[in-house]
Structures are given as structure tokens and as C-alpha cells.
Amino acid sequence: MLKEDRLAKIWEKEILGDWDNLKSTARVRELWTEGIPKKIRSIVWYRAVGNKSVVTKDLSASWLSEAGS
């Protein structure tokens, strides 16, 4: 099993389901340093920092499009 797949399973099965209780633990800090797998990165970052600016997928896509021009 690839490292990224192994880490994704850990995040999904151990951490995300109990995020509020686990987000400040040594285990989560350890996982942060190992890297957030691409397939769950947006979920982890959203839970970690939120979306206070209320950025929608359409707005984000628009910004990305403009940045590529």
C-alpha cells in the first residue's frame, strides 16, 4: 500500500470522524508533518481553517481561471 493511501485511511478512519476532540492532539500534529493526502486535503484544510470568506466552488474556479490567463 502506498504511503498516501495509508495516511488517507488513517485520516478517514481515526481522525475526521472525531475531529473536534482530536484536532489538537499530538497524533494529528504528527500526521500533519507526514503530509495530508491529496484526496482528502480539502476536507482536512476546511476543518482546520474553515471557510470564513464563504468561498464557493464557482468563485474558486473563477479565480483559478483568471490566474491562468
C-alpha atoms as a PDB file:
ATOM      1  CA  MET A   1       0.000   0.000   0.000  1.00  0.00           C
ATOM      2  CA  LEU A   2       1.292   3.440  -0.902  1.00  0.00           C
ATOM      3  CA  LYS A   3       2.139   5.860   1.898  1.00  0.00           C
ATOM      4  CA  GLU A   4      -0.505   8.325   0.691  1.00  0.00           C
ATOM      5  CA  ASP A   5      -3.213   5.636   0.718  1.00  0.00           C
ATOM      6  CA  ARG A   6      -2.181   4.516   4.202  1.00  0.00           C
ATOM      7  CA  LEU A   7      -2.297   8.092   5.513  1.00  0.00           C
ATOM      8  CA  ALA A   8      -5.688   8.732   3.884  1.00  0.00           C
ATOM      9  CA  LYS A   9      -7.147   5.702   5.649  1.00  0.00           C
ATOM     10  CA  ILE A  10      -5.785   6.897   8.987  1.00  0.00           C
ATOM     11  CA  TRP A  11      -7.273  10.375   8.494  1.00  0.00           C
ATOM     12  CA  GLU A  12     -10.613   8.958   7.367  1.00  0.00           C
ATOM     13  CA  LYS A  13     -10.981   6.192   9.961  1.00  0.00           C
ATOM     14  CA  GLU A  14      -9.277   7.664  13.018  1.00  0.00           C
ATOM     15  CA  ILE A  15      -9.325  11.438  12.817  1.00  0.00           C
ATOM     16  CA  LEU A  16     -12.065  13.032  10.710  1.00  0.00           C
ATOM     17  CA  GLY A  17     -14.954  11.278  12.454  1.00  0.00           C
ATOM     18  CA  ASP A  18     -13.925  12.787  15.801  1.00  0.00           C
ATOM     19  CA  TRP A  19     -12.261  15.955  14.542  1.00  0.00           C
ATOM     20  CA  ASP A  20     -13.377  18.293  17.344  1.00  0.00           C
ATOM     21  CA  ASN A  21     -11.820  16.073  20.015  1.00  0.00           C
ATOM     22  CA  LEU A  22      -8.695  15.092  18.095  1.00  0.00           C
ATOM     23  CA  LYS A  23      -7.682  18.219  16.155  1.00  0.00           C
ATOM     24  CA  SER A  24      -5.247  19.441  18.822  1.00  0.00           C
ATOM     25  CA  THR A  25      -3.656  16.120  19.697  1.00  0.00           C
ATOM     26  CA  ALA A  26      -0.079  15.035  19.215  1.00  0.00           C
ATOM     27  CA  ARG A  27      -1.317  12.334  16.814  1.00  0.00           C
ATOM     28  CA  VAL A  28      -2.847  14.907  14.464  1.00  0.00           C
ATOM     29  CA  ARG A  29       0.278  17.095  14.631  1.00  0.00           C
ATOM     30  CA  GLU A  30       2.308  14.006  13.711  1.00  0.00           C
ATOM     31  CA  LEU A  31       0.011  13.287  10.760  1.00  0.00           C
ATOM     32  CA  TRP A  32       0.276  16.910   9.578  1.00  0.00           C
ATOM     33  CA  THR A  33       4.048  16.520   9.339  1.00  0.00           C
ATOM     34  CA  GLU A  34       3.663  13.314   7.311  1.00  0.00           C
ATOM     35  CA  GLY A  35       1.535  15.218   4.806  1.00  0.00           C
ATOM     36  CA  ILE A  36      -2.147  15.422   4.001  1.00  0.00           C
ATOM     37  CA  PRO A  37      -3.073  13.012   1.196  1.00  0.00           C
ATOM     38  CA  LYS A  38      -4.337  14.810  -1.893  1.00  0.00           C
ATOM     39  CA  LYS A  39      -7.691  13.003  -1.968  1.00  0.00           C
ATOM     40  CA  ILE A  40      -8.704  14.331   1.482  1.00  0.00           C
ATOM     41  CA  ARG A  41      -6.652  17.539   1.643  1.00  0.00           C
ATOM     42  CA  SER A  42      -9.610  19.859   1.006  1.00  0.00           C
ATOM     43  CA  ILE A  43     -11.636  18.198   3.776  1.00  0.00           C
ATOM     44  CA  VAL A  44      -8.819  18.428   6.318  1.00  0.00           C
ATOM     45  CA  TRP A  45      -7.956  22.034   5.458  1.00  0.00           C
ATOM     46  CA  TYR A  46     -11.606  23.086   5.563  1.00  0.00           C
ATOM     47  CA  ARG A  47     -11.984  21.598   9.031  1.00  0.00           C
ATOM     48  CA  ALA A  48      -8.705  23.114  10.163  1.00  0.00           C
ATOM     49  CA  VAL A  49      -9.267  26.671   8.932  1.00  0.00           C
ATOM     50  CA  GLY A  50     -12.913  26.846   7.912  1.00  0.00           C
ATOM     51  CA  ASN A  51     -14.361  28.978   5.155  1.00  0.00           C
ATOM     52  CA  LYS A  52     -14.926  32.312   6.829  1.00  0.00           C
ATOM     53  CA  SER A  53     -14.804  34.085   3.463  1.00  0.00           C
ATOM     54  CA  VAL A  54     -17.564  31.807   2.116  1.00  0.00           C
ATOM     55  CA  VAL A  55     -15.606  30.904  -0.986  1.00  0.00           C
ATOM     56  CA  THR A  56     -17.772  28.734  -3.215  1.00  0.00           C
ATOM     57  CA  LYS A  57     -16.510  26.206  -5.760  1.00  0.00           C
ATOM     58  CA  ASP A  58     -17.672  28.535  -8.564  1.00  0.00           C
ATOM     59  CA  LEU A  59     -15.799  31.502  -7.101  1.00  0.00           C
ATOM     60  CA  SER A  60     -12.699  29.399  -6.590  1.00  0.00           C
ATOM     61  CA  ALA A  61     -12.892  28.109 -10.183  1.00  0.00           C
ATOM     62  CA  SER A  62     -13.264  31.675 -11.430  1.00  0.00           C
ATOM     63  CA  TRP A  63     -10.157  32.791  -9.526  1.00  0.00           C
ATOM     64  CA  LEU A  64      -8.187  29.834 -10.833  1.00  0.00           C
ATOM     65  CA  SER A  65      -9.304  30.612 -14.371  1.00  0.00           C
ATOM     66  CA  GLU A  66      -8.257  34.254 -14.058  1.00  0.00           C
ATOM     67  CA  ALA A  67      -4.924  33.273 -12.533  1.00  0.00           C
ATOM     68  CA  GLY A  68      -4.211  31.052 -15.534  1.00  0.00           C
ATOM     69  CA  SER A  69      -4.856  33.833 -18.042  1.00  0.00           C
END
